[in-house]
Amino acid sequence: MKPASVTDPDALAFCYAPTIWPAQPAGFFDAWTAYYAALENLAARVMRLFAVALNLPENHFERFIDAPISALRALNYPEQHVAPKPGQLRAGAHTDYGSLTILLPQAGSKGLEIITPDGQWTAVPPVEGAFVINIGDLMARWTNDRWVSTLHRVVNPSPDDGGMARRQSLAFFHQPNWNAEITVLDACLAPGETAKYPPVFSGPYLMSKFKSTTA
């Protein structure tokens, strides 16, 4: 629901435009909205854990995420009928833009990789009953890169290892309120250390990221 304080035309057009729901399959709307609400609640709980981990009051982030502009997307990588070329990717290396991402990968799926601290691409196999949670760019800015956003990609396993099969996942991109100002936390600055990032507003920052990918 749009907060009364949000009047930015970009916000109204991008975040609060009416959703076009498919007529089929039956029950899709109820299932999708219930899952979205559950993930929004989970993200808020994770943000409370983040606050405690940063030696902040548990409710520190609540005022930034009480009207989040998050997005839930169904990601579909179609079955491949022609073997991919060497080095060809299903999704190129990137980081996500918001505070955190909650990913539910398809059971048994392969291909998701992240950069680990040793600089190596490392597979992230799905674990039954578990989500994959990535740090996003805004959390990296908030923490002055104490926590870095998760660089990840989706590669093509070999055809003999299921690389030709369809792959699906659900990704919830948690994004703070449109007007939330993201400023480096004092708790993440050592004495005498300066902030690496200037303050940004969540919504305009998100829009600038999307525009940069289509320019």
N, C-alpha and C. Protein backbone atom coordinates (compact mmCIF):
# COMPACT_ATOMS: atom_id res chain seq x y z
N MET A 1 0.84 -1.20 0.00
CA MET A 1 0.00 0.00 0.00
C MET A 1 0.88 1.25 0.00
N LYS A 2 0.52 2.22 -0.83
CA LYS A 2 1.33 3.43 -0.95
C LYS A 2 1.16 4.32 0.27
N PRO A 3 2.27 4.72 0.91
CA PRO A 3 2.16 5.69 2.00
C PRO A 3 1.73 7.05 1.45
N ALA A 4 0.97 7.79 2.25
CA ALA A 4 0.50 9.11 1.82
C ALA A 4 1.65 10.07 1.57
N SER A 5 2.79 9.84 2.20
CA SER A 5 3.93 10.75 2.06
C SER A 5 4.66 10.59 0.73
N VAL A 6 4.38 9.52 0.00
CA VAL A 6 5.09 9.28 -1.26
C VAL A 6 4.34 9.95 -2.40
N THR A 7 4.96 10.96 -2.99
CA THR A 7 4.35 11.70 -4.11
C THR A 7 5.27 11.76 -5.32
N ASP A 8 6.46 11.23 -5.20
CA ASP A 8 7.43 11.26 -6.30
C ASP A 8 6.84 10.53 -7.51
N PRO A 9 6.76 11.19 -8.68
CA PRO A 9 6.19 10.53 -9.88
C PRO A 9 6.89 9.23 -10.24
N ASP A 10 8.22 9.17 -10.06
CA ASP A 10 8.94 7.93 -10.35
C ASP A 10 8.47 6.81 -9.43
N ALA A 11 8.28 7.14 -8.16
CA ALA A 11 7.81 6.14 -7.21
C ALA A 11 6.41 5.66 -7.58
N LEU A 12 5.54 6.58 -7.93
CA LEU A 12 4.16 6.22 -8.26
C LEU A 12 4.11 5.36 -9.51
N ALA A 13 4.96 5.66 -10.48
CA ALA A 13 4.95 4.91 -11.74
C ALA A 13 5.65 3.57 -11.61
N PHE A 14 6.70 3.53 -10.82
CA PHE A 14 7.54 2.33 -10.79
C PHE A 14 7.15 1.36 -9.68
N CYS A 15 6.89 1.89 -8.50
CA CYS A 15 6.67 1.02 -7.34
C CYS A 15 5.20 0.81 -7.00
N TYR A 16 4.35 1.74 -7.38
CA TYR A 16 2.96 1.67 -6.93
C TYR A 16 1.96 1.62 -8.07
N ALA A 17 2.43 1.33 -9.27
CA ALA A 17 1.51 1.14 -10.39
C ALA A 17 0.70 -0.14 -10.16
N PRO A 18 -0.54 -0.19 -10.67
CA PRO A 18 -1.35 -1.40 -10.48
C PRO A 18 -0.66 -2.63 -11.05
N THR A 19 -0.75 -3.72 -10.34
CA THR A 19 -0.17 -4.99 -10.80
C THR A 19 -1.14 -5.67 -11.77
N ILE A 20 -0.61 -6.17 -12.87
CA ILE A 20 -1.42 -6.91 -13.85
C ILE A 20 -1.32 -8.39 -13.48
N TRP A 21 -2.39 -8.94 -12.94
CA TRP A 21 -2.39 -10.32 -12.48
C TRP A 21 -2.92 -11.25 -13.56
N PRO A 22 -2.30 -12.41 -13.74
CA PRO A 22 -2.82 -13.37 -14.72
C PRO A 22 -4.09 -14.04 -14.22
N ALA A 23 -4.95 -14.40 -15.14
CA ALA A 23 -6.19 -15.08 -14.77
C ALA A 23 -5.94 -16.53 -14.37
N GLN A 24 -4.90 -17.11 -14.88
CA GLN A 24 -4.56 -18.50 -14.60
C GLN A 24 -3.10 -18.59 -14.16
N PRO A 25 -2.72 -19.56 -13.35
CA PRO A 25 -3.56 -20.63 -12.83
C PRO A 25 -4.43 -20.18 -11.68
N ALA A 26 -5.46 -20.96 -11.38
CA ALA A 26 -6.37 -20.64 -10.28
C ALA A 26 -5.58 -20.57 -8.97
N GLY A 27 -5.88 -19.56 -8.16
CA GLY A 27 -5.21 -19.41 -6.88
C GLY A 27 -3.88 -18.70 -6.92
N PHE A 28 -3.46 -18.27 -8.11
CA PHE A 28 -2.14 -17.64 -8.24
C PHE A 28 -2.04 -16.39 -7.38
N PHE A 29 -3.05 -15.52 -7.46
CA PHE A 29 -3.01 -14.25 -6.71
C PHE A 29 -2.86 -14.50 -5.21
N ASP A 30 -3.68 -15.39 -4.67
CA ASP A 30 -3.63 -15.65 -3.23
C ASP A 30 -2.28 -16.24 -2.82
N ALA A 31 -1.77 -17.18 -3.62
CA ALA A 31 -0.49 -17.80 -3.29
C ALA A 31 0.65 -16.79 -3.36
N TRP A 32 0.63 -15.96 -4.39
CA TRP A 32 1.73 -15.00 -4.59
C TRP A 32 1.74 -13.95 -3.49
N THR A 33 0.58 -13.40 -3.18
CA THR A 33 0.52 -12.35 -2.16
C THR A 33 0.83 -12.90 -0.77
N ALA A 34 0.43 -14.14 -0.50
CA ALA A 34 0.74 -14.74 0.79
C ALA A 34 2.25 -14.97 0.91
N TYR A 35 2.86 -15.44 -0.16
CA TYR A 35 4.31 -15.67 -0.12
C TYR A 35 5.07 -14.35 0.01
N TYR A 36 4.61 -13.33 -0.72
CA TYR A 36 5.25 -12.02 -0.61
C TYR A 36 5.19 -11.51 0.83
N ALA A 37 4.03 -11.61 1.46
CA ALA A 37 3.88 -11.13 2.83
C ALA A 37 4.79 -11.89 3.78
N ALA A 38 4.91 -13.21 3.58
CA ALA A 38 5.77 -14.02 4.43
C ALA A 38 7.24 -13.62 4.27
N LEU A 39 7.64 -13.34 3.03
CA LEU A 39 9.04 -12.95 2.78
C LEU A 39 9.32 -11.54 3.31
N GLU A 40 8.34 -10.65 3.22
CA GLU A 40 8.52 -9.31 3.78
C GLU A 40 8.73 -9.40 5.29
N ASN A 41 7.97 -10.28 5.93
CA ASN A 41 8.12 -10.48 7.38
C ASN A 41 9.47 -11.09 7.70
N LEU A 42 9.89 -12.07 6.91
CA LEU A 42 11.20 -12.70 7.14
C LEU A 42 12.32 -11.68 6.96
N ALA A 43 12.23 -10.85 5.93
CA ALA A 43 13.26 -9.83 5.70
C ALA A 43 13.36 -8.88 6.88
N ALA A 44 12.22 -8.49 7.44
CA ALA A 44 12.23 -7.59 8.59
C ALA A 44 12.91 -8.25 9.79
N ARG A 45 12.70 -9.55 9.96
CA ARG A 45 13.35 -10.27 11.05
C ARG A 45 14.85 -10.37 10.82
N VAL A 46 15.25 -10.60 9.57
CA VAL A 46 16.68 -10.64 9.26
C VAL A 46 17.31 -9.28 9.53
N MET A 47 16.60 -8.21 9.20
CA MET A 47 17.15 -6.87 9.45
C MET A 47 17.33 -6.63 10.95
N ARG A 48 16.47 -7.20 11.77
CA ARG A 48 16.67 -7.08 13.22
C ARG A 48 17.94 -7.82 13.65
N LEU A 49 18.17 -8.99 13.05
CA LEU A 49 19.41 -9.71 13.32
C LEU A 49 20.63 -8.91 12.87
N PHE A 50 20.50 -8.28 11.69
CA PHE A 50 21.60 -7.45 11.20
C PHE A 50 21.93 -6.34 12.21
N ALA A 51 20.90 -5.70 12.75
CA ALA A 51 21.11 -4.61 13.70
C ALA A 51 21.88 -5.10 14.92
N VAL A 52 21.46 -6.24 15.46
CA VAL A 52 22.14 -6.79 16.64
C VAL A 52 23.59 -7.13 16.31
N ALA A 53 23.81 -7.70 15.12
CA ALA A 53 25.18 -8.07 14.71
C ALA A 53 26.07 -6.85 14.58
N LEU A 54 25.47 -5.69 14.31
CA LEU A 54 26.23 -4.45 14.15
C LEU A 54 26.28 -3.64 15.45
N ASN A 55 25.86 -4.26 16.55
CA ASN A 55 25.85 -3.61 17.87
C ASN A 55 24.96 -2.38 17.89
N LEU A 56 23.84 -2.49 17.19
CA LEU A 56 22.83 -1.44 17.17
C LEU A 56 21.59 -1.93 17.91
N PRO A 57 20.70 -1.03 18.31
CA PRO A 57 19.43 -1.48 18.87
C PRO A 57 18.70 -2.39 17.88
N GLU A 58 18.04 -3.40 18.38
CA GLU A 58 17.40 -4.38 17.51
C GLU A 58 16.44 -3.74 16.52
N ASN A 59 15.79 -2.65 16.92
CA ASN A 59 14.79 -2.02 16.05
C ASN A 59 15.38 -0.89 15.20
N HIS A 60 16.70 -0.81 15.10
CA HIS A 60 17.32 0.33 14.43
C HIS A 60 16.80 0.53 13.01
N PHE A 61 16.65 -0.54 12.24
CA PHE A 61 16.29 -0.41 10.83
C PHE A 61 14.78 -0.30 10.59
N GLU A 62 13.98 -0.45 11.63
CA GLU A 62 12.53 -0.53 11.41
C GLU A 62 11.97 0.71 10.72
N ARG A 63 12.45 1.89 11.08
CA ARG A 63 11.90 3.11 10.48
C ARG A 63 12.29 3.25 9.01
N PHE A 64 13.29 2.50 8.58
CA PHE A 64 13.71 2.54 7.18
C PHE A 64 12.94 1.54 6.31
N ILE A 65 12.26 0.59 6.94
CA ILE A 65 11.65 -0.51 6.17
C ILE A 65 10.19 -0.74 6.55
N ASP A 66 9.51 0.29 7.08
CA ASP A 66 8.10 0.09 7.44
C ASP A 66 7.17 0.27 6.24
N ALA A 67 7.70 0.72 5.11
CA ALA A 67 6.93 0.77 3.84
C ALA A 67 7.89 0.42 2.71
N PRO A 68 8.45 -0.78 2.73
CA PRO A 68 9.49 -1.13 1.76
C PRO A 68 8.96 -1.20 0.34
N ILE A 69 9.85 -0.99 -0.62
CA ILE A 69 9.48 -1.07 -2.04
C ILE A 69 10.12 -2.32 -2.64
N SER A 70 9.94 -3.42 -1.94
CA SER A 70 10.55 -4.68 -2.33
C SER A 70 9.87 -5.27 -3.56
N ALA A 71 10.49 -6.30 -4.13
CA ALA A 71 9.95 -6.96 -5.32
C ALA A 71 10.16 -8.46 -5.20
N LEU A 72 9.15 -9.21 -5.64
CA LEU A 72 9.24 -10.67 -5.71
C LEU A 72 9.19 -11.07 -7.17
N ARG A 73 10.18 -11.82 -7.61
CA ARG A 73 10.25 -12.19 -9.03
C ARG A 73 10.42 -13.70 -9.17
N ALA A 74 9.73 -14.23 -10.15
CA ALA A 74 9.91 -15.63 -10.53
C ALA A 74 10.91 -15.67 -11.68
N LEU A 75 12.01 -16.35 -11.47
CA LEU A 75 13.09 -16.41 -12.46
C LEU A 75 13.05 -17.75 -13.17
N ASN A 76 13.01 -17.70 -14.48
CA ASN A 76 12.90 -18.91 -15.29
C ASN A 76 14.03 -18.95 -16.31
N TYR A 77 14.82 -20.02 -16.24
CA TYR A 77 15.86 -20.27 -17.23
C TYR A 77 15.38 -21.44 -18.08
N PRO A 78 14.94 -21.20 -19.31
CA PRO A 78 14.30 -22.26 -20.09
C PRO A 78 15.23 -23.44 -20.37
N GLU A 79 14.61 -24.56 -20.64
CA GLU A 79 15.37 -25.72 -21.10
C GLU A 79 16.14 -25.34 -22.36
N GLN A 80 17.37 -25.80 -22.47
CA GLN A 80 18.21 -25.48 -23.61
C GLN A 80 18.27 -26.68 -24.56
N HIS A 81 18.05 -26.40 -25.83
CA HIS A 81 18.06 -27.47 -26.82
C HIS A 81 19.36 -27.49 -27.63
N VAL A 82 20.16 -26.43 -27.46
CA VAL A 82 21.48 -26.36 -28.08
C VAL A 82 22.49 -26.11 -26.97
N ALA A 83 23.53 -26.89 -26.94
CA ALA A 83 24.53 -26.75 -25.88
C ALA A 83 25.11 -25.34 -25.87
N PRO A 84 25.23 -24.71 -24.70
CA PRO A 84 25.81 -23.35 -24.64
C PRO A 84 27.27 -23.35 -25.05
N LYS A 85 27.72 -22.21 -25.52
CA LYS A 85 29.11 -22.06 -25.90
C LYS A 85 29.99 -22.04 -24.65
N PRO A 86 31.26 -22.38 -24.77
CA PRO A 86 32.16 -22.35 -23.61
C PRO A 86 32.16 -20.96 -22.95
N GLY A 87 31.97 -20.95 -21.66
CA GLY A 87 31.96 -19.69 -20.91
C GLY A 87 30.65 -18.93 -20.94
N GLN A 88 29.68 -19.40 -21.72
CA GLN A 88 28.39 -18.72 -21.78
C GLN A 88 27.66 -18.87 -20.46
N LEU A 89 27.04 -17.78 -19.98
CA LEU A 89 26.38 -17.76 -18.68
C LEU A 89 24.87 -17.66 -18.85
N ARG A 90 24.17 -18.16 -17.86
CA ARG A 90 22.72 -17.96 -17.81
C ARG A 90 22.38 -16.61 -17.17
N ALA A 91 23.20 -16.14 -16.27
CA ALA A 91 23.08 -14.80 -15.70
C ALA A 91 24.48 -14.31 -15.37
N GLY A 92 24.83 -13.14 -15.90
CA GLY A 92 26.17 -12.62 -15.69
C GLY A 92 26.42 -12.19 -14.25
N ALA A 93 27.67 -12.02 -13.91
CA ALA A 93 28.05 -11.64 -12.54
C ALA A 93 27.47 -10.28 -12.19
N HIS A 94 26.85 -10.20 -11.02
CA HIS A 94 26.23 -8.94 -10.59
C HIS A 94 25.98 -8.98 -9.09
N THR A 95 25.70 -7.82 -8.53
CA THR A 95 25.21 -7.71 -7.16
C THR A 95 23.79 -7.18 -7.22
N ASP A 96 23.04 -7.39 -6.15
CA ASP A 96 21.68 -6.87 -6.07
C ASP A 96 21.69 -5.49 -5.43
N TYR A 97 20.64 -4.71 -5.67
CA TYR A 97 20.69 -3.28 -5.37
C TYR A 97 20.25 -2.91 -3.96
N GLY A 98 19.43 -3.73 -3.32
CA GLY A 98 18.79 -3.31 -2.08
C GLY A 98 19.55 -3.69 -0.83
N SER A 99 18.79 -3.99 0.23
CA SER A 99 19.40 -4.32 1.51
C SER A 99 19.78 -5.79 1.58
N LEU A 100 18.89 -6.66 1.12
CA LEU A 100 19.19 -8.09 1.10
C LEU A 100 18.26 -8.77 0.10
N THR A 101 18.65 -9.96 -0.34
CA THR A 101 17.84 -10.77 -1.25
C THR A 101 17.62 -12.14 -0.61
N ILE A 102 16.38 -12.60 -0.68
CA ILE A 102 16.05 -13.93 -0.19
C ILE A 102 15.68 -14.78 -1.39
N LEU A 103 16.48 -15.79 -1.64
CA LEU A 103 16.32 -16.62 -2.84
C LEU A 103 15.88 -18.02 -2.45
N LEU A 104 14.85 -18.51 -3.13
CA LEU A 104 14.41 -19.90 -2.99
C LEU A 104 14.71 -20.61 -4.30
N PRO A 105 15.82 -21.36 -4.35
CA PRO A 105 16.18 -22.05 -5.60
C PRO A 105 15.38 -23.34 -5.75
N GLN A 106 15.23 -23.74 -6.98
CA GLN A 106 14.57 -25.01 -7.27
C GLN A 106 15.39 -26.16 -6.71
N ALA A 107 14.70 -27.11 -6.09
CA ALA A 107 15.40 -28.27 -5.52
C ALA A 107 16.20 -28.98 -6.60
N GLY A 108 17.46 -29.28 -6.29
CA GLY A 108 18.31 -29.99 -7.21
C GLY A 108 18.92 -29.16 -8.32
N SER A 109 18.60 -27.87 -8.36
CA SER A 109 19.13 -27.02 -9.43
C SER A 109 20.61 -26.74 -9.22
N LYS A 110 21.30 -26.47 -10.32
CA LYS A 110 22.73 -26.19 -10.28
C LYS A 110 23.03 -24.93 -11.07
N GLY A 111 24.17 -24.34 -10.79
CA GLY A 111 24.62 -23.20 -11.59
C GLY A 111 24.87 -21.93 -10.80
N LEU A 112 24.18 -21.73 -9.64
CA LEU A 112 24.40 -20.51 -8.87
C LEU A 112 25.78 -20.54 -8.23
N GLU A 113 26.53 -19.45 -8.41
CA GLU A 113 27.85 -19.33 -7.82
C GLU A 113 28.02 -17.95 -7.20
N ILE A 114 28.84 -17.86 -6.15
CA ILE A 114 29.19 -16.58 -5.54
C ILE A 114 30.71 -16.47 -5.47
N ILE A 115 31.18 -15.23 -5.37
CA ILE A 115 32.59 -14.99 -5.09
C ILE A 115 32.80 -15.09 -3.59
N THR A 116 33.69 -15.97 -3.16
CA THR A 116 34.01 -16.11 -1.75
C THR A 116 35.19 -15.19 -1.39
N PRO A 117 35.46 -14.99 -0.10
CA PRO A 117 36.53 -14.05 0.27
C PRO A 117 37.89 -14.36 -0.34
N ASP A 118 38.11 -15.61 -0.74
CA ASP A 118 39.39 -15.94 -1.37
C ASP A 118 39.42 -15.59 -2.85
N GLY A 119 38.32 -14.96 -3.36
CA GLY A 119 38.29 -14.53 -4.74
C GLY A 119 37.90 -15.61 -5.73
N GLN A 120 37.45 -16.75 -5.24
CA GLN A 120 37.11 -17.86 -6.11
C GLN A 120 35.60 -17.96 -6.31
N TRP A 121 35.19 -18.33 -7.53
CA TRP A 121 33.78 -18.63 -7.77
C TRP A 121 33.47 -19.97 -7.13
N THR A 122 32.44 -19.99 -6.30
CA THR A 122 32.10 -21.17 -5.51
C THR A 122 30.62 -21.49 -5.68
N ALA A 123 30.32 -22.75 -5.94
CA ALA A 123 28.93 -23.17 -6.15
C ALA A 123 28.12 -23.04 -4.86
N VAL A 124 26.83 -22.68 -5.04
CA VAL A 124 25.90 -22.60 -3.92
C VAL A 124 24.76 -23.59 -4.18
N PRO A 125 24.93 -24.83 -3.77
CA PRO A 125 23.88 -25.82 -4.02
C PRO A 125 22.66 -25.55 -3.15
N PRO A 126 21.46 -25.81 -3.64
CA PRO A 126 20.27 -25.62 -2.82
C PRO A 126 20.24 -26.60 -1.66
N VAL A 127 19.79 -26.14 -0.50
CA VAL A 127 19.65 -26.97 0.69
C VAL A 127 18.16 -27.08 1.00
N GLU A 128 17.69 -28.29 1.15
CA GLU A 128 16.26 -28.50 1.39
C GLU A 128 15.80 -27.74 2.64
N GLY A 129 14.71 -26.99 2.48
CA GLY A 129 14.15 -26.25 3.60
C GLY A 129 14.88 -24.98 3.96
N ALA A 130 15.80 -24.53 3.11
CA ALA A 130 16.60 -23.34 3.42
C ALA A 130 16.55 -22.33 2.28
N PHE A 131 16.70 -21.07 2.62
CA PHE A 131 16.84 -20.00 1.64
C PHE A 131 18.32 -19.66 1.46
N VAL A 132 18.63 -19.02 0.35
CA VAL A 132 19.92 -18.37 0.15
C VAL A 132 19.70 -16.88 0.36
N ILE A 133 20.48 -16.25 1.23
CA ILE A 133 20.32 -14.82 1.52
C ILE A 133 21.60 -14.10 1.13
N ASN A 134 21.44 -13.11 0.25
CA ASN A 134 22.55 -12.30 -0.22
C ASN A 134 22.49 -10.91 0.39
N ILE A 135 23.64 -10.34 0.67
CA ILE A 135 23.75 -8.93 1.04
C ILE A 135 23.64 -8.09 -0.22
N GLY A 136 22.89 -6.99 -0.14
CA GLY A 136 22.73 -6.10 -1.28
C GLY A 136 23.59 -4.84 -1.16
N ASP A 137 23.57 -4.05 -2.23
CA ASP A 137 24.43 -2.86 -2.30
C ASP A 137 24.13 -1.84 -1.20
N LEU A 138 22.85 -1.67 -0.85
CA LEU A 138 22.54 -0.66 0.17
C LEU A 138 23.07 -1.08 1.54
N MET A 139 23.06 -2.37 1.83
CA MET A 139 23.64 -2.80 3.11
C MET A 139 25.14 -2.61 3.11
N ALA A 140 25.77 -2.81 1.97
CA ALA A 140 27.20 -2.53 1.88
C ALA A 140 27.48 -1.05 2.14
N ARG A 141 26.63 -0.18 1.60
CA ARG A 141 26.80 1.26 1.83
C ARG A 141 26.56 1.58 3.30
N TRP A 142 25.50 1.02 3.88
CA TRP A 142 25.20 1.27 5.29
C TRP A 142 26.39 0.90 6.17
N THR A 143 27.07 -0.21 5.86
CA THR A 143 28.14 -0.72 6.72
C THR A 143 29.53 -0.29 6.26
N ASN A 144 29.61 0.60 5.28
CA ASN A 144 30.90 1.08 4.78
C ASN A 144 31.77 -0.07 4.30
N ASP A 145 31.11 -1.07 3.70
CA ASP A 145 31.76 -2.28 3.18
C ASP A 145 32.30 -3.21 4.27
N ARG A 146 31.86 -3.02 5.51
CA ARG A 146 32.15 -4.08 6.48
C ARG A 146 31.50 -5.37 6.00
N TRP A 147 30.29 -5.23 5.50
CA TRP A 147 29.60 -6.32 4.82
C TRP A 147 29.51 -5.94 3.35
N VAL A 148 30.06 -6.73 2.49
CA VAL A 148 30.04 -6.42 1.06
C VAL A 148 28.87 -7.11 0.39
N SER A 149 28.35 -6.49 -0.66
CA SER A 149 27.26 -7.10 -1.40
C SER A 149 27.77 -8.35 -2.12
N THR A 150 26.89 -9.32 -2.25
CA THR A 150 27.27 -10.64 -2.75
C THR A 150 27.34 -10.66 -4.26
N LEU A 151 28.54 -10.78 -4.81
CA LEU A 151 28.70 -10.91 -6.25
C LEU A 151 28.36 -12.35 -6.64
N HIS A 152 27.40 -12.51 -7.55
CA HIS A 152 26.95 -13.85 -7.90
C HIS A 152 26.63 -13.94 -9.39
N ARG A 153 26.50 -15.15 -9.87
CA ARG A 153 26.20 -15.41 -11.27
C ARG A 153 25.53 -16.78 -11.37
N VAL A 154 24.99 -17.08 -12.55
CA VAL A 154 24.44 -18.41 -12.82
C VAL A 154 25.16 -18.95 -14.05
N VAL A 155 25.89 -20.04 -13.86
CA VAL A 155 26.65 -20.64 -14.94
C VAL A 155 25.88 -21.81 -15.54
N ASN A 156 26.38 -22.30 -16.64
CA ASN A 156 25.83 -23.50 -17.28
C ASN A 156 26.65 -24.72 -16.86
N PRO A 157 26.07 -25.61 -16.04
CA PRO A 157 26.78 -26.87 -15.82
C PRO A 157 26.91 -27.62 -17.14
N SER A 158 27.75 -28.62 -17.16
CA SER A 158 27.91 -29.40 -18.39
C SER A 158 26.60 -30.09 -18.73
N PRO A 159 26.35 -30.34 -20.02
CA PRO A 159 25.12 -31.05 -20.40
C PRO A 159 24.95 -32.38 -19.66
N ASP A 160 26.06 -33.06 -19.37
CA ASP A 160 25.98 -34.32 -18.65
C ASP A 160 25.62 -34.14 -17.18
N ASP A 161 25.73 -32.89 -16.70
CA ASP A 161 25.46 -32.61 -15.28
C ASP A 161 24.18 -31.80 -15.12
N GLY A 162 23.28 -31.92 -16.09
CA GLY A 162 21.99 -31.23 -16.00
C GLY A 162 21.98 -29.83 -16.54
N GLY A 163 23.02 -29.44 -17.25
CA GLY A 163 23.12 -28.06 -17.72
C GLY A 163 22.12 -27.66 -18.78
N MET A 164 21.45 -28.62 -19.40
CA MET A 164 20.47 -28.30 -20.43
C MET A 164 19.06 -28.14 -19.84
N ALA A 165 18.89 -28.51 -18.58
CA ALA A 165 17.56 -28.55 -17.98
C ALA A 165 17.04 -27.16 -17.65
N ARG A 166 15.73 -27.04 -17.58
CA ARG A 166 15.09 -25.81 -17.12
C ARG A 166 15.48 -25.57 -15.66
N ARG A 167 15.64 -24.29 -15.31
CA ARG A 167 16.00 -23.93 -13.93
C ARG A 167 15.10 -22.79 -13.49
N GLN A 168 14.54 -22.90 -12.29
CA GLN A 168 13.65 -21.86 -11.78
C GLN A 168 14.04 -21.48 -10.35
N SER A 169 13.68 -20.27 -9.97
CA SER A 169 13.87 -19.83 -8.59
C SER A 169 12.95 -18.65 -8.32
N LEU A 170 12.72 -18.39 -7.04
CA LEU A 170 11.95 -17.22 -6.61
C LEU A 170 12.90 -16.31 -5.85
N ALA A 171 12.96 -15.05 -6.26
CA ALA A 171 13.88 -14.09 -5.65
C ALA A 171 13.09 -12.92 -5.06
N PHE A 172 13.29 -12.68 -3.78
CA PHE A 172 12.66 -11.54 -3.09
C PHE A 172 13.73 -10.50 -2.84
N PHE A 173 13.60 -9.35 -3.50
CA PHE A 173 14.58 -8.27 -3.39
C PHE A 173 14.06 -7.25 -2.38
N HIS A 174 14.64 -7.27 -1.18
CA HIS A 174 14.18 -6.38 -0.12
C HIS A 174 14.80 -5.00 -0.31
N GLN A 175 13.94 -4.00 -0.39
CA GLN A 175 14.38 -2.63 -0.67
C GLN A 175 13.75 -1.69 0.36
N PRO A 176 14.54 -0.89 1.08
CA PRO A 176 13.98 0.03 2.07
C PRO A 176 12.99 1.02 1.44
N ASN A 177 12.26 1.72 2.31
CA ASN A 177 11.27 2.71 1.89
C ASN A 177 11.83 3.63 0.81
N TRP A 178 10.97 4.09 -0.06
CA TRP A 178 11.39 4.98 -1.15
C TRP A 178 12.20 6.15 -0.63
N ASN A 179 11.75 6.79 0.45
CA ASN A 179 12.40 8.00 0.96
C ASN A 179 13.43 7.70 2.05
N ALA A 180 13.76 6.44 2.28
CA ALA A 180 14.75 6.11 3.32
C ALA A 180 16.12 6.62 2.90
N GLU A 181 16.75 7.39 3.78
CA GLU A 181 18.10 7.89 3.52
C GLU A 181 19.12 6.89 4.06
N ILE A 182 19.97 6.40 3.18
CA ILE A 182 20.97 5.39 3.55
C ILE A 182 22.30 6.10 3.74
N THR A 183 22.70 6.20 4.99
CA THR A 183 23.94 6.88 5.37
C THR A 183 24.83 5.91 6.11
N VAL A 184 26.12 5.94 5.85
CA VAL A 184 27.05 5.04 6.53
C VAL A 184 26.85 5.13 8.04
N LEU A 185 26.72 3.97 8.67
CA LEU A 185 26.48 3.90 10.10
C LEU A 185 27.74 4.29 10.88
N ASP A 186 27.55 5.11 11.91
CA ASP A 186 28.68 5.46 12.77
C ASP A 186 29.29 4.21 13.38
N ALA A 187 28.47 3.21 13.66
CA ALA A 187 28.96 1.98 14.27
C ALA A 187 29.93 1.22 13.36
N CYS A 188 29.93 1.58 12.08
CA CYS A 188 30.79 0.88 11.11
C CYS A 188 32.01 1.71 10.73
N LEU A 189 32.25 2.80 11.46
CA LEU A 189 33.41 3.64 11.21
C LEU A 189 34.37 3.56 12.39
N ALA A 190 35.60 3.18 12.11
CA ALA A 190 36.62 3.19 13.14
C ALA A 190 37.01 4.63 13.46
N PRO A 191 37.60 4.89 14.62
CA PRO A 191 38.03 6.25 14.94
C PRO A 191 38.92 6.83 13.83
N GLY A 192 38.55 7.99 13.34
CA GLY A 192 39.31 8.65 12.28
C GLY A 192 38.97 8.18 10.88
N GLU A 193 38.16 7.13 10.75
CA GLU A 193 37.81 6.61 9.43
C GLU A 193 36.70 7.46 8.81
N THR A 194 36.77 7.67 7.50
CA THR A 194 35.74 8.43 6.81
C THR A 194 34.86 7.48 6.00
N ALA A 195 33.66 7.94 5.72
CA ALA A 195 32.71 7.14 4.96
C ALA A 195 33.14 7.03 3.50
N LYS A 196 33.01 5.82 2.94
CA LYS A 196 33.33 5.61 1.53
C LYS A 196 32.22 6.11 0.62
N TYR A 197 31.01 6.22 1.17
CA TYR A 197 29.85 6.49 0.34
C TYR A 197 29.08 7.71 0.84
N PRO A 198 28.62 8.57 -0.06
CA PRO A 198 27.73 9.66 0.35
C PRO A 198 26.34 9.10 0.61
N PRO A 199 25.49 9.84 1.32
CA PRO A 199 24.12 9.39 1.55
C PRO A 199 23.36 9.28 0.23
N VAL A 200 22.46 8.30 0.17
CA VAL A 200 21.56 8.16 -0.98
C VAL A 200 20.16 7.85 -0.44
N PHE A 201 19.16 8.13 -1.26
CA PHE A 201 17.79 7.75 -0.93
C PHE A 201 17.46 6.45 -1.66
N SER A 202 16.83 5.56 -0.95
CA SER A 202 16.60 4.20 -1.45
C SER A 202 15.95 4.16 -2.81
N GLY A 203 14.80 4.84 -2.98
CA GLY A 203 14.07 4.76 -4.24
C GLY A 203 14.82 5.35 -5.42
N PRO A 204 15.26 6.61 -5.32
CA PRO A 204 16.04 7.19 -6.42
C PRO A 204 17.31 6.39 -6.73
N TYR A 205 17.95 5.84 -5.71
CA TYR A 205 19.13 5.00 -5.95
C TYR A 205 18.75 3.78 -6.78
N LEU A 206 17.65 3.13 -6.41
CA LEU A 206 17.18 1.97 -7.17
C LEU A 206 16.89 2.35 -8.61
N MET A 207 16.21 3.47 -8.82
CA MET A 207 15.88 3.91 -10.18
C MET A 207 17.14 4.18 -10.98
N SER A 208 18.14 4.80 -10.34
CA SER A 208 19.38 5.10 -11.07
C SER A 208 20.08 3.82 -11.50
N LYS A 209 19.99 2.78 -10.68
CA LYS A 209 20.59 1.50 -11.04
C LYS A 209 19.88 0.89 -12.24
N PHE A 210 18.56 0.89 -12.24
CA PHE A 210 17.82 0.34 -13.36
C PHE A 210 18.08 1.14 -14.65
N LYS A 211 18.11 2.46 -14.52
CA LYS A 211 18.34 3.29 -15.69
C LYS A 211 19.74 3.05 -16.26
N SER A 212 20.71 2.79 -15.40
CA SER A 212 22.07 2.59 -15.87
C SER A 212 22.21 1.30 -16.66
N THR A 213 21.31 0.33 -16.42
CA THR A 213 21.39 -0.93 -17.13
C THR A 213 20.69 -0.88 -18.49
N THR A 214 19.91 0.18 -18.73
CA THR A 214 19.17 0.29 -19.98
C THR A 214 19.64 1.47 -20.81
N ALA A 215 20.63 2.22 -20.30
CA ALA A 215 21.10 3.40 -21.03
C ALA A 215 21.86 2.99 -22.30
